[in-house]
Structure formats: structure tokens, C-alpha cells
Amino acid sequence: MFQFNENGYLVIEDFLTPEEVDTLYQAGRTLCLDAPQSNRKIFSTLKAEDAHSKELYFMESGDKVRYFFEQGAIGDEGQLIVDPMIALNKVGHALHVEHPTFNALTFSNRVREICWQLNYNRPAVCQSMYIYKNSGIGGEVTPHQDSWFLHTEPNSAVGFWFALEDCTLQNGCLQFIKGSHKSGVHRRYLRNPDKDASELMIYDRAAPIYPKSSFTPLQVSKGTCIVIHGNVVHKSEPNRSQKSRHAYTFHVIETENNVKYSEDNWLQAPQDKPFPLLFERKA
């Protein structure tokens, strides 16, 4: 785990077998066919006045499978203007619970073993996403720390990110600022305490500026797992290539007694559906 502690991320090549990659990839493509034909929602990390932040559709997606379209996929009247197979930005945020293919990987012994080695005592999976990053339309993901969105005291979030296609500079591979996980949490994304405001979710401060030269791109082959510290700064550029960059990702937090999941995080588990545990370490 030296690489993880030093850089804030860990690259595990060939974590998935070719058969597993294909099964997950085909499951992601099938989700495209299940996407709603009306009331389409757009997901973007770029717009300051994020449309989804005004909508319960996003905020209440933590225990559901919901569909978020690329900005360039929807016309003014809500009609699809691209092929349905490349229209989605992502599907989230409960694939790990509601979809058997993604559930099997998320709760596999290989994942549990990594969490054990990271010294989790009672890890729970709080969200999951299938990310499409389709060719020519897959949008930028601006620099961020996952702890902006999944904050705990003390910080405990870790992401598992699985490449289902080869990831290159051209199709928007992940890029990291090595060691930035040692610099604390730079910003928070919160439920708006002003109940009368139209914005349901807000940032607590302006976006930090990170020099482009500080990012290290990770070009990885399909089947690779990247384990991501919640405080490491990372991003991905738009996909302007002819190849998509499908990925499955989920996030784990510690839930033992001395770790508190922030009550103002955008994502909250319903009282009757707590975040599912990976394991509970016995004394």
C-alpha cells in the first residue's frame, strides 16, 4: 500500500478478468436501452448553476438506479439528438445494490481484501456509478476531491474505479495530483441549509485553482482497478477521440463508532436503507 499512502491512489492491473470486463461492459450498454424516454436529466460538473442541483431527481438517487444524460445529447424540447447508445453521461447511484452484475463485483472478496488492508473496520458502500465517457460527447470532469461530496469526520472515503475500456489521454483517462491527499479537504458540496432557496445543493466556497502541470495522467488498460483516496485531487478531460471510456466506480466509507458521516452531504441513506456493509472486523 506504499503507492496509495504516498500518491493517494493505487493502480492494480488485471484486477478484472477479460470475461468480467465484458460482463460489466455489456451490463452498462444494456442500461442505455433502459434509459427513460421522457423527463431526461442532464449531468454536468461544468455549469455553475447545475440544472440537477435544483432537482430532487439527483438528490434522491442514492438508493435508486437513475439516468443522467450528456449535455450534448438532449435538444431544446428534451428530445434525444444523438444515438441512445452514446447519450448517457452516467447511471447512479445504487447499482451496487439494485443490479446483480455490479453487486457481485462490489461485494467480492477481492474488494473486501483491499478494504481490510486499508485498515477499515466496518466499511460500507455509499454510492456507485457506471460512467460512459462516450466518444466525441463525453464531458470533462473538473478537478475535485471525492471528500467534497462524501465527507466524514475523520475523512475515510475511498473510491474503487474499474476501467472497462483502455484509458488514454485522447479518450479522457483519469489524472491525479500526486500526494494531494495530504493537504486536507479543499471544499464541500452540501445540502443547502436555506430551505427557501431554489438551489437544493451548494458548494461552501469557490473552486480551487489547480495548475494543469501538477496533474499526472494514468493511461491504463481495461481490467485495471484504481483505488482512490478521498482527498486526492483528480480530474478527466473531455473525450474527443473515436473511442469511449466506460468505467464502473463505487465509494466506500468507514462507519465504525468514531467516524461520522456528515449530515449535510448531498447523499443521505434513507432510514430504512442504511449503506450496506462490506464486512465488520471483530476484535
C-alpha atoms as a PDB file:
ATOM      1  CA  MET A   1       0.000   0.000   0.000  1.00  0.00           C
ATOM      2  CA  PHE A   2       3.039   2.295  -0.213  1.00  0.00           C
ATOM      3  CA  GLN A   3       1.874   3.746  -3.530  1.00  0.00           C
ATOM      4  CA  PHE A   4      -1.546   4.524  -2.064  1.00  0.00           C
ATOM      5  CA  ASN A   5      -0.141   6.227   1.031  1.00  0.00           C
ATOM      6  CA  GLU A   6       2.457   8.168  -0.952  1.00  0.00           C
ATOM      7  CA  ASN A   7       0.487   9.214  -4.046  1.00  0.00           C
ATOM      8  CA  GLY A   8      -3.139   8.995  -2.908  1.00  0.00           C
ATOM      9  CA  TYR A   9      -4.014   6.283  -5.402  1.00  0.00           C
ATOM     10  CA  LEU A  10      -3.139   2.681  -6.183  1.00  0.00           C
ATOM     11  CA  VAL A  11      -3.140   1.101  -9.658  1.00  0.00           C
ATOM     12  CA  ILE A  12      -3.905  -2.638  -9.789  1.00  0.00           C
ATOM     13  CA  GLU A  13      -3.559  -4.000 -13.321  1.00  0.00           C
ATOM     14  CA  ASP A  14      -5.612  -7.012 -14.451  1.00  0.00           C
ATOM     15  CA  PHE A  15      -7.849  -6.787 -11.379  1.00  0.00           C
ATOM     16  CA  LEU A  16     -10.722  -7.947 -13.593  1.00  0.00           C
ATOM     17  CA  THR A  17     -10.570 -10.916 -15.943  1.00  0.00           C
ATOM     18  CA  PRO A  18     -11.432 -10.287 -19.615  1.00  0.00           C
ATOM     19  CA  GLU A  19     -14.702 -12.133 -19.018  1.00  0.00           C
ATOM     20  CA  GLU A  20     -15.581  -9.888 -16.075  1.00  0.00           C
ATOM     21  CA  VAL A  21     -14.753  -6.783 -18.101  1.00  0.00           C
ATOM     22  CA  ASP A  22     -17.059  -7.946 -20.888  1.00  0.00           C
ATOM     23  CA  THR A  23     -19.896  -8.800 -18.482  1.00  0.00           C
ATOM     24  CA  LEU A  24     -19.721  -5.383 -16.803  1.00  0.00           C
ATOM     25  CA  TYR A  25     -19.393  -3.573 -20.136  1.00  0.00           C
ATOM     26  CA  GLN A  26     -22.420  -5.352 -21.592  1.00  0.00           C
ATOM     27  CA  ALA A  27     -24.405  -4.561 -18.439  1.00  0.00           C
ATOM     28  CA  GLY A  28     -23.548  -0.889 -18.937  1.00  0.00           C
ATOM     29  CA  ARG A  29     -24.679  -0.988 -22.556  1.00  0.00           C
ATOM     30  CA  THR A  30     -27.934  -2.654 -21.545  1.00  0.00           C
ATOM     31  CA  LEU A  31     -28.585   0.216 -19.131  1.00  0.00           C
ATOM     32  CA  CYS A  32     -28.636   2.525 -22.174  1.00  0.00           C
ATOM     33  CA  LEU A  33     -31.625   0.628 -23.505  1.00  0.00           C
ATOM     34  CA  ASP A  34     -33.416   1.008 -20.161  1.00  0.00           C
ATOM     35  CA  ALA A  35     -32.984   4.791 -20.029  1.00  0.00           C
ATOM     36  CA  PRO A  36     -36.212   6.818 -19.752  1.00  0.00           C
ATOM     37  CA  GLN A  37     -37.670   8.232 -22.950  1.00  0.00           C
ATOM     38  CA  SER A  38     -39.028  11.344 -21.264  1.00  0.00           C
ATOM     39  CA  ASN A  39     -38.106  13.690 -18.412  1.00  0.00           C
ATOM     40  CA  ARG A  40     -34.431  13.322 -19.312  1.00  0.00           C
ATOM     41  CA  LYS A  41     -31.939  14.723 -16.814  1.00  0.00           C
ATOM     42  CA  ILE A  42     -28.550  16.180 -17.721  1.00  0.00           C
ATOM     43  CA  PHE A  43     -25.484  15.655 -15.576  1.00  0.00           C
ATOM     44  CA  SER A  44     -22.569  18.038 -15.822  1.00  0.00           C
ATOM     45  CA  THR A  45     -19.769  19.087 -13.482  1.00  0.00           C
ATOM     46  CA  LEU A  46     -19.142  22.248 -15.520  1.00  0.00           C
ATOM     47  CA  LYS A  47     -22.167  24.515 -15.192  1.00  0.00           C
ATOM     48  CA  ALA A  48     -22.136  26.650 -12.062  1.00  0.00           C
ATOM     49  CA  GLU A  49     -25.929  26.659 -11.980  1.00  0.00           C
ATOM     50  CA  ASP A  50     -26.041  22.876 -12.353  1.00  0.00           C
ATOM     51  CA  ALA A  51     -29.524  22.010 -13.514  1.00  0.00           C
ATOM     52  CA  HIS A  52     -29.597  18.859 -11.429  1.00  0.00           C
ATOM     53  CA  SER A  53     -28.931  20.801  -8.231  1.00  0.00           C
ATOM     54  CA  LYS A  54     -32.483  22.157  -8.447  1.00  0.00           C
ATOM     55  CA  GLU A  55     -33.996  18.750  -8.752  1.00  0.00           C
ATOM     56  CA  LEU A  56     -34.809  16.051  -6.305  1.00  0.00           C
ATOM     57  CA  TYR A  57     -34.161  13.552  -9.086  1.00  0.00           C
ATOM     58  CA  PHE A  58     -30.444  13.789  -8.397  1.00  0.00           C
ATOM     59  CA  MET A  59     -30.564  14.270  -4.635  1.00  0.00           C
ATOM     60  CA  GLU A  60     -32.824  11.269  -4.133  1.00  0.00           C
ATOM     61  CA  SER A  61     -30.889   8.910  -6.403  1.00  0.00           C
ATOM     62  CA  GLY A  62     -28.748   7.397  -3.642  1.00  0.00           C
ATOM     63  CA  ASP A  63     -30.890   4.275  -3.283  1.00  0.00           C
ATOM     64  CA  LYS A  64     -32.075   4.078  -6.900  1.00  0.00           C
ATOM     65  CA  VAL A  65     -30.855   3.476 -10.440  1.00  0.00           C
ATOM     66  CA  ARG A  66     -31.211   6.780 -12.266  1.00  0.00           C
ATOM     67  CA  TYR A  67     -30.037   8.049 -15.617  1.00  0.00           C
ATOM     68  CA  PHE A  68     -28.097  11.229 -16.386  1.00  0.00           C
ATOM     69  CA  PHE A  69     -27.582  12.373 -19.963  1.00  0.00           C
ATOM     70  CA  GLU A  70     -24.739  14.287 -21.575  1.00  0.00           C
ATOM     71  CA  GLN A  71     -25.406  17.967 -22.233  1.00  0.00           C
ATOM     72  CA  GLY A  72     -24.841  17.491 -25.942  1.00  0.00           C
ATOM     73  CA  ALA A  73     -27.330  14.630 -26.146  1.00  0.00           C
ATOM     74  CA  ILE A  74     -30.601  16.454 -25.495  1.00  0.00           C
ATOM     75  CA  GLY A  75     -32.361  19.017 -27.690  1.00  0.00           C
ATOM     76  CA  ASP A  76     -34.293  22.063 -26.511  1.00  0.00           C
ATOM     77  CA  GLU A  77     -37.525  20.078 -26.297  1.00  0.00           C
ATOM     78  CA  GLY A  78     -35.978  17.237 -24.323  1.00  0.00           C
ATOM     79  CA  GLN A  79     -35.572  15.015 -27.384  1.00  0.00           C
ATOM     80  CA  LEU A  80     -32.530  12.838 -27.982  1.00  0.00           C
ATOM     81  CA  ILE A  81     -30.331  14.284 -30.722  1.00  0.00           C
ATOM     82  CA  VAL A  82     -27.683  11.527 -30.639  1.00  0.00           C
ATOM     83  CA  ASP A  83     -27.711   7.730 -30.764  1.00  0.00           C
ATOM     84  CA  PRO A  84     -29.211   6.383 -27.498  1.00  0.00           C
ATOM     85  CA  MET A  85     -26.115   4.218 -27.010  1.00  0.00           C
ATOM     86  CA  ILE A  86     -23.920   7.321 -26.593  1.00  0.00           C
ATOM     87  CA  ALA A  87     -26.422   9.649 -24.903  1.00  0.00           C
ATOM     88  CA  LEU A  88     -25.739   8.828 -21.252  1.00  0.00           C
ATOM     89  CA  ASN A  89     -23.127  10.501 -19.065  1.00  0.00           C
ATOM     90  CA  LYS A  90     -23.670   8.093 -16.192  1.00  0.00           C
ATOM     91  CA  VAL A  91     -26.108   5.887 -14.308  1.00  0.00           C
ATOM     92  CA  GLY A  92     -26.195   6.054 -10.496  1.00  0.00           C
ATOM     93  CA  HIS A  93     -26.133   5.819  -7.603  1.00  0.00           C
ATOM     94  CA  ALA A  94     -27.275   2.396  -6.295  1.00  0.00           C
ATOM     95  CA  LEU A  95     -26.098  -0.072  -8.938  1.00  0.00           C
ATOM     96  CA  HIS A  96     -24.174  -1.858  -6.171  1.00  0.00           C
ATOM     97  CA  VAL A  97     -27.488  -2.716  -4.511  1.00  0.00           C
ATOM     98  CA  GLU A  98     -30.036  -2.867  -7.312  1.00  0.00           C
ATOM     99  CA  HIS A  99     -28.090  -4.511 -10.163  1.00  0.00           C
ATOM    100  CA  PRO A 100     -26.778  -8.076  -9.668  1.00  0.00           C
ATOM    101  CA  THR A 101     -23.784  -7.728 -12.010  1.00  0.00           C
ATOM    102  CA  PHE A 102     -22.422  -4.658 -10.247  1.00  0.00           C
ATOM    103  CA  ASN A 103     -23.394  -6.007  -6.828  1.00  0.00           C
ATOM    104  CA  ALA A 104     -21.268  -9.115  -7.395  1.00  0.00           C
ATOM    105  CA  LEU A 105     -18.092  -7.130  -8.076  1.00  0.00           C
ATOM    106  CA  THR A 106     -18.690  -4.538  -5.376  1.00  0.00           C
ATOM    107  CA  PHE A 107     -19.109  -7.117  -2.618  1.00  0.00           C
ATOM    108  CA  SER A 108     -16.469  -9.532  -3.912  1.00  0.00           C
ATOM    109  CA  ASN A 109     -13.767 -10.907  -1.641  1.00  0.00           C
ATOM    110  CA  ARG A 110     -11.113  -9.086  -3.692  1.00  0.00           C
ATOM    111  CA  VAL A 111     -12.680  -5.738  -2.812  1.00  0.00           C
ATOM    112  CA  ARG A 112     -13.098  -6.768   0.817  1.00  0.00           C
ATOM    113  CA  GLU A 113      -9.416  -7.738   0.965  1.00  0.00           C
ATOM    114  CA  ILE A 114      -8.307  -4.287  -0.220  1.00  0.00           C
ATOM    115  CA  CYS A 115     -10.512  -2.599   2.368  1.00  0.00           C
ATOM    116  CA  TRP A 116      -9.105  -4.933   5.022  1.00  0.00           C
ATOM    117  CA  GLN A 117      -5.556  -3.983   4.029  1.00  0.00           C
ATOM    118  CA  LEU A 118      -6.558  -0.303   4.177  1.00  0.00           C
ATOM    119  CA  ASN A 119      -7.477  -0.959   7.832  1.00  0.00           C
ATOM    120  CA  TYR A 120     -11.207  -0.419   7.550  1.00  0.00           C
ATOM    121  CA  ASN A 121     -13.136  -1.872  10.474  1.00  0.00           C
ATOM    122  CA  ARG A 122     -16.718  -1.505   9.274  1.00  0.00           C
ATOM    123  CA  PRO A 123     -16.660  -0.320   5.641  1.00  0.00           C
ATOM    124  CA  ALA A 124     -19.907   0.478   3.857  1.00  0.00           C
ATOM    125  CA  VAL A 125     -20.581   1.200   0.196  1.00  0.00           C
ATOM    126  CA  CYS A 126     -22.321   4.557  -0.102  1.00  0.00           C
ATOM    127  CA  GLN A 127     -22.698   5.029  -3.856  1.00  0.00           C
ATOM    128  CA  SER A 128     -21.894   3.560  -7.265  1.00  0.00           C
ATOM    129  CA  MET A 129     -21.911   4.764 -10.864  1.00  0.00           C
ATOM    130  CA  TYR A 130     -21.488   3.486 -14.391  1.00  0.00           C
ATOM    131  CA  ILE A 131     -19.653   6.199 -16.323  1.00  0.00           C
ATOM    132  CA  TYR A 132     -19.757   6.197 -20.131  1.00  0.00           C
ATOM    133  CA  LYS A 133     -17.388   8.960 -21.286  1.00  0.00           C
ATOM    134  CA  ASN A 134     -18.575   8.346 -24.836  1.00  0.00           C
ATOM    135  CA  SER A 135     -16.564   9.312 -27.897  1.00  0.00           C
ATOM    136  CA  GLY A 136     -16.893  12.908 -29.015  1.00  0.00           C
ATOM    137  CA  ILE A 137     -19.546  13.747 -26.420  1.00  0.00           C
ATOM    138  CA  GLY A 138     -18.138  12.577 -23.079  1.00  0.00           C
ATOM    139  CA  GLY A 139     -17.742  15.714 -20.991  1.00  0.00           C
ATOM    140  CA  GLU A 140     -14.963  16.997 -18.774  1.00  0.00           C
ATOM    141  CA  VAL A 141     -14.885  16.111 -15.093  1.00  0.00           C
ATOM    142  CA  THR A 142     -13.354  19.119 -13.398  1.00  0.00           C
ATOM    143  CA  PRO A 143     -10.687  18.777 -10.680  1.00  0.00           C
ATOM    144  CA  HIS A 144     -12.159  17.617  -7.371  1.00  0.00           C
ATOM    145  CA  GLN A 145     -11.685  15.508  -4.276  1.00  0.00           C
ATOM    146  CA  ASP A 146     -14.272  12.810  -3.600  1.00  0.00           C
ATOM    147  CA  SER A 147     -14.421  14.035   0.001  1.00  0.00           C
ATOM    148  CA  TRP A 148     -16.131  17.202  -1.269  1.00  0.00           C
ATOM    149  CA  PHE A 149     -19.174  15.012  -1.810  1.00  0.00           C
ATOM    150  CA  LEU A 150     -18.724  12.119   0.655  1.00  0.00           C
ATOM    151  CA  HIS A 151     -17.350  13.831   3.731  1.00  0.00           C
ATOM    152  CA  THR A 152     -16.770  12.013   7.006  1.00  0.00           C
ATOM    153  CA  GLU A 153     -15.133  13.035  10.284  1.00  0.00           C
ATOM    154  CA  PRO A 154     -12.377  11.944  10.204  1.00  0.00           C
ATOM    155  CA  ASN A 155     -12.042  11.570   6.424  1.00  0.00           C
ATOM    156  CA  SER A 156     -12.486   7.966   5.311  1.00  0.00           C
ATOM    157  CA  ALA A 157     -13.842   7.882   1.732  1.00  0.00           C
ATOM    158  CA  VAL A 158     -12.066   5.687  -0.800  1.00  0.00           C
ATOM    159  CA  GLY A 159     -13.091   5.135  -4.409  1.00  0.00           C
ATOM    160  CA  PHE A 160     -12.764   1.960  -6.474  1.00  0.00           C
ATOM    161  CA  TRP A 161     -12.603   2.759 -10.196  1.00  0.00           C
ATOM    162  CA  PHE A 162     -12.631  -0.044 -12.771  1.00  0.00           C
ATOM    163  CA  ALA A 163     -11.566   0.557 -16.375  1.00  0.00           C
ATOM    164  CA  LEU A 164     -13.851  -1.368 -18.731  1.00  0.00           C
ATOM    165  CA  GLU A 165     -12.052   0.009 -21.788  1.00  0.00           C
ATOM    166  CA  ASP A 166      -8.490   1.151 -22.370  1.00  0.00           C
ATOM    167  CA  CYS A 167      -7.985   4.653 -20.954  1.00  0.00           C
ATOM    168  CA  THR A 168      -5.761   7.088 -22.863  1.00  0.00           C
ATOM    169  CA  LEU A 169      -5.039  10.797 -22.962  1.00  0.00           C
ATOM    170  CA  GLN A 170      -7.232  11.002 -26.043  1.00  0.00           C
ATOM    171  CA  ASN A 171     -10.369   9.476 -24.508  1.00  0.00           C
ATOM    172  CA  GLY A 172     -10.118  11.172 -21.125  1.00  0.00           C
ATOM    173  CA  CYS A 173      -8.130   8.997 -18.721  1.00  0.00           C
ATOM    174  CA  LEU A 174      -8.044   9.929 -15.041  1.00  0.00           C
ATOM    175  CA  GLN A 175      -5.398  12.452 -13.987  1.00  0.00           C
ATOM    176  CA  PHE A 176      -4.150  12.942 -10.417  1.00  0.00           C
ATOM    177  CA  ILE A 177      -2.126  15.398  -8.368  1.00  0.00           C
ATOM    178  CA  LYS A 178       0.247  13.032  -6.590  1.00  0.00           C
ATOM    179  CA  GLY A 179       0.318  13.484  -2.832  1.00  0.00           C
ATOM    180  CA  SER A 180      -2.556  15.983  -2.759  1.00  0.00           C
ATOM    181  CA  HIS A 181      -4.446  13.708  -0.359  1.00  0.00           C
ATOM    182  CA  LYS A 182      -2.147  15.025   2.366  1.00  0.00           C
ATOM    183  CA  SER A 183      -3.464  18.594   2.009  1.00  0.00           C
ATOM    184  CA  GLY A 184      -6.899  18.241   3.638  1.00  0.00           C
ATOM    185  CA  VAL A 185     -10.346  18.777   2.114  1.00  0.00           C
ATOM    186  CA  HIS A 186     -10.418  21.910  -0.032  1.00  0.00           C
ATOM    187  CA  ARG A 187     -14.169  22.359  -0.483  1.00  0.00           C
ATOM    188  CA  ARG A 188     -17.545  20.817   0.378  1.00  0.00           C
ATOM    189  CA  TYR A 189     -20.701  20.104  -1.639  1.00  0.00           C
ATOM    190  CA  LEU A 190     -23.635  20.413   0.745  1.00  0.00           C
ATOM    191  CA  ARG A 191     -27.366  20.249   1.109  1.00  0.00           C
ATOM    192  CA  ASN A 192     -28.418  23.884   1.154  1.00  0.00           C
ATOM    193  CA  PRO A 193     -29.320  24.917   4.728  1.00  0.00           C
ATOM    194  CA  ASP A 194     -31.579  27.642   3.246  1.00  0.00           C
ATOM    195  CA  LYS A 195     -34.787  25.689   2.779  1.00  0.00           C
ATOM    196  CA  ASP A 196     -36.357  28.547   0.801  1.00  0.00           C
ATOM    197  CA  ALA A 197     -33.603  28.652  -1.814  1.00  0.00           C
ATOM    198  CA  SER A 198     -34.110  27.205  -5.282  1.00  0.00           C
ATOM    199  CA  GLU A 199     -30.692  25.530  -5.125  1.00  0.00           C
ATOM    200  CA  LEU A 200     -31.005  22.269  -3.219  1.00  0.00           C
ATOM    201  CA  MET A 201     -27.237  21.709  -3.153  1.00  0.00           C
ATOM    202  CA  ILE A 202     -24.428  24.246  -2.918  1.00  0.00           C
ATOM    203  CA  TYR A 203     -20.655  24.469  -2.630  1.00  0.00           C
ATOM    204  CA  ASP A 204     -19.369  26.092   0.547  1.00  0.00           C
ATOM    205  CA  ARG A 205     -16.629  28.041  -1.269  1.00  0.00           C
ATOM    206  CA  ALA A 206     -15.272  28.820  -4.716  1.00  0.00           C
ATOM    207  CA  ALA A 207     -13.480  26.142  -6.701  1.00  0.00           C
ATOM    208  CA  PRO A 208      -9.741  25.950  -6.019  1.00  0.00           C
ATOM    209  CA  ILE A 209      -7.376  26.577  -8.920  1.00  0.00           C
ATOM    210  CA  TYR A 210      -5.028  23.680  -9.613  1.00  0.00           C
ATOM    211  CA  PRO A 211      -2.144  24.152 -12.093  1.00  0.00           C
ATOM    212  CA  LYS A 212      -2.547  21.913 -15.136  1.00  0.00           C
ATOM    213  CA  SER A 213       1.110  20.982 -14.876  1.00  0.00           C
ATOM    214  CA  SER A 214       0.532  19.362 -11.476  1.00  0.00           C
ATOM    215  CA  PHE A 215      -1.617  16.532 -12.880  1.00  0.00           C
ATOM    216  CA  THR A 216      -0.243  13.107 -13.772  1.00  0.00           C
ATOM    217  CA  PRO A 217      -2.332  11.186 -16.342  1.00  0.00           C
ATOM    218  CA  LEU A 218      -2.937   7.487 -15.714  1.00  0.00           C
ATOM    219  CA  GLN A 219      -3.225   5.660 -19.011  1.00  0.00           C
ATOM    220  CA  VAL A 220      -4.396   2.179 -18.042  1.00  0.00           C
ATOM    221  CA  SER A 221      -5.667  -0.938 -19.773  1.00  0.00           C
ATOM    222  CA  LYS A 222      -9.160  -2.323 -19.387  1.00  0.00           C
ATOM    223  CA  GLY A 223      -9.451  -4.562 -16.354  1.00  0.00           C
ATOM    224  CA  THR A 224      -7.392  -2.179 -14.215  1.00  0.00           C
ATOM    225  CA  CYS A 225      -8.660  -1.083 -10.797  1.00  0.00           C
ATOM    226  CA  ILE A 226      -7.615   2.312  -9.450  1.00  0.00           C
ATOM    227  CA  VAL A 227      -8.097   2.747  -5.699  1.00  0.00           C
ATOM    228  CA  ILE A 228      -8.588   6.462  -4.998  1.00  0.00           C
ATOM    229  CA  HIS A 229      -8.052   8.224  -1.653  1.00  0.00           C
ATOM    230  CA  GLY A 230     -10.998  10.505  -0.882  1.00  0.00           C
ATOM    231  CA  ASN A 231      -8.736  13.548  -0.550  1.00  0.00           C
ATOM    232  CA  VAL A 232      -6.603  13.159  -3.682  1.00  0.00           C
ATOM    233  CA  VAL A 233      -7.318  15.769  -6.382  1.00  0.00           C
ATOM    234  CA  HIS A 234      -8.200  14.229  -9.737  1.00  0.00           C
ATOM    235  CA  LYS A 235      -9.958  15.065 -12.993  1.00  0.00           C
ATOM    236  CA  SER A 236     -10.537  13.873 -16.547  1.00  0.00           C
ATOM    237  CA  GLU A 237     -10.552  15.808 -19.808  1.00  0.00           C
ATOM    238  CA  PRO A 238     -13.354  15.613 -22.400  1.00  0.00           C
ATOM    239  CA  ASN A 239     -13.355  12.615 -24.699  1.00  0.00           C
ATOM    240  CA  ARG A 240     -12.603  13.974 -28.148  1.00  0.00           C
ATOM    241  CA  SER A 241     -11.462  10.631 -29.558  1.00  0.00           C
ATOM    242  CA  GLN A 242     -13.327   7.997 -31.534  1.00  0.00           C
ATOM    243  CA  LYS A 243     -13.252   5.559 -28.603  1.00  0.00           C
ATOM    244  CA  SER A 244     -15.444   5.529 -25.496  1.00  0.00           C
ATOM    245  CA  ARG A 245     -14.049   5.132 -21.971  1.00  0.00           C
ATOM    246  CA  HIS A 246     -16.554   3.116 -19.959  1.00  0.00           C
ATOM    247  CA  ALA A 247     -15.880   2.623 -16.245  1.00  0.00           C
ATOM    248  CA  TYR A 248     -17.632   1.342 -13.138  1.00  0.00           C
ATOM    249  CA  THR A 249     -16.904   3.038  -9.835  1.00  0.00           C
ATOM    250  CA  PHE A 250     -18.109   2.960  -6.247  1.00  0.00           C
ATOM    251  CA  HIS A 251     -17.136   4.578  -2.959  1.00  0.00           C
ATOM    252  CA  VAL A 252     -16.546   3.129   0.481  1.00  0.00           C
ATOM    253  CA  ILE A 253     -16.633   4.913   3.840  1.00  0.00           C
ATOM    254  CA  GLU A 254     -15.814   3.838   7.387  1.00  0.00           C
ATOM    255  CA  THR A 255     -18.854   3.528   9.674  1.00  0.00           C
ATOM    256  CA  GLU A 256     -17.378   2.418  12.968  1.00  0.00           C
ATOM    257  CA  ASN A 257     -18.381   4.397  16.064  1.00  0.00           C
ATOM    258  CA  ASN A 258     -15.750   7.121  15.967  1.00  0.00           C
ATOM    259  CA  VAL A 259     -16.358   8.034  12.295  1.00  0.00           C
ATOM    260  CA  LYS A 260     -19.274  10.335  11.494  1.00  0.00           C
ATOM    261  CA  TYR A 261     -20.852  10.645   8.043  1.00  0.00           C
ATOM    262  CA  SER A 262     -21.667  14.326   7.567  1.00  0.00           C
ATOM    263  CA  GLU A 263     -25.374  15.092   7.821  1.00  0.00           C
ATOM    264  CA  ASP A 264     -25.107  17.854   5.223  1.00  0.00           C
ATOM    265  CA  ASN A 265     -23.620  15.626   2.492  1.00  0.00           C
ATOM    266  CA  TRP A 266     -25.774  15.634  -0.637  1.00  0.00           C
ATOM    267  CA  LEU A 267     -26.061  11.852  -0.449  1.00  0.00           C
ATOM    268  CA  GLN A 268     -28.000  10.519   2.527  1.00  0.00           C
ATOM    269  CA  ALA A 269     -29.135   6.955   3.078  1.00  0.00           C
ATOM    270  CA  PRO A 270     -32.868   6.511   3.759  1.00  0.00           C
ATOM    271  CA  GLN A 271     -33.553   5.445   7.331  1.00  0.00           C
ATOM    272  CA  ASP A 272     -34.845   2.081   6.145  1.00  0.00           C
ATOM    273  CA  LYS A 273     -31.912   1.531   3.745  1.00  0.00           C
ATOM    274  CA  PRO A 274     -28.583   2.125   5.504  1.00  0.00           C
ATOM    275  CA  PHE A 275     -25.401   1.920   3.462  1.00  0.00           C
ATOM    276  CA  PRO A 276     -24.625  -1.816   3.031  1.00  0.00           C
ATOM    277  CA  LEU A 277     -21.552  -3.152   4.836  1.00  0.00           C
ATOM    278  CA  LEU A 278     -18.654  -4.960   3.169  1.00  0.00           C
ATOM    279  CA  PHE A 279     -17.623  -6.587   6.448  1.00  0.00           C
ATOM    280  CA  GLU A 280     -17.314  -5.953  10.169  1.00  0.00           C
ATOM    281  CA  ARG A 281     -13.905  -6.573  11.709  1.00  0.00           C
ATOM    282  CA  LYS A 282     -14.178  -8.422  15.001  1.00  0.00           C
ATOM    283  CA  ALA A 283     -11.918  -7.519  17.910  1.00  0.00           C
END
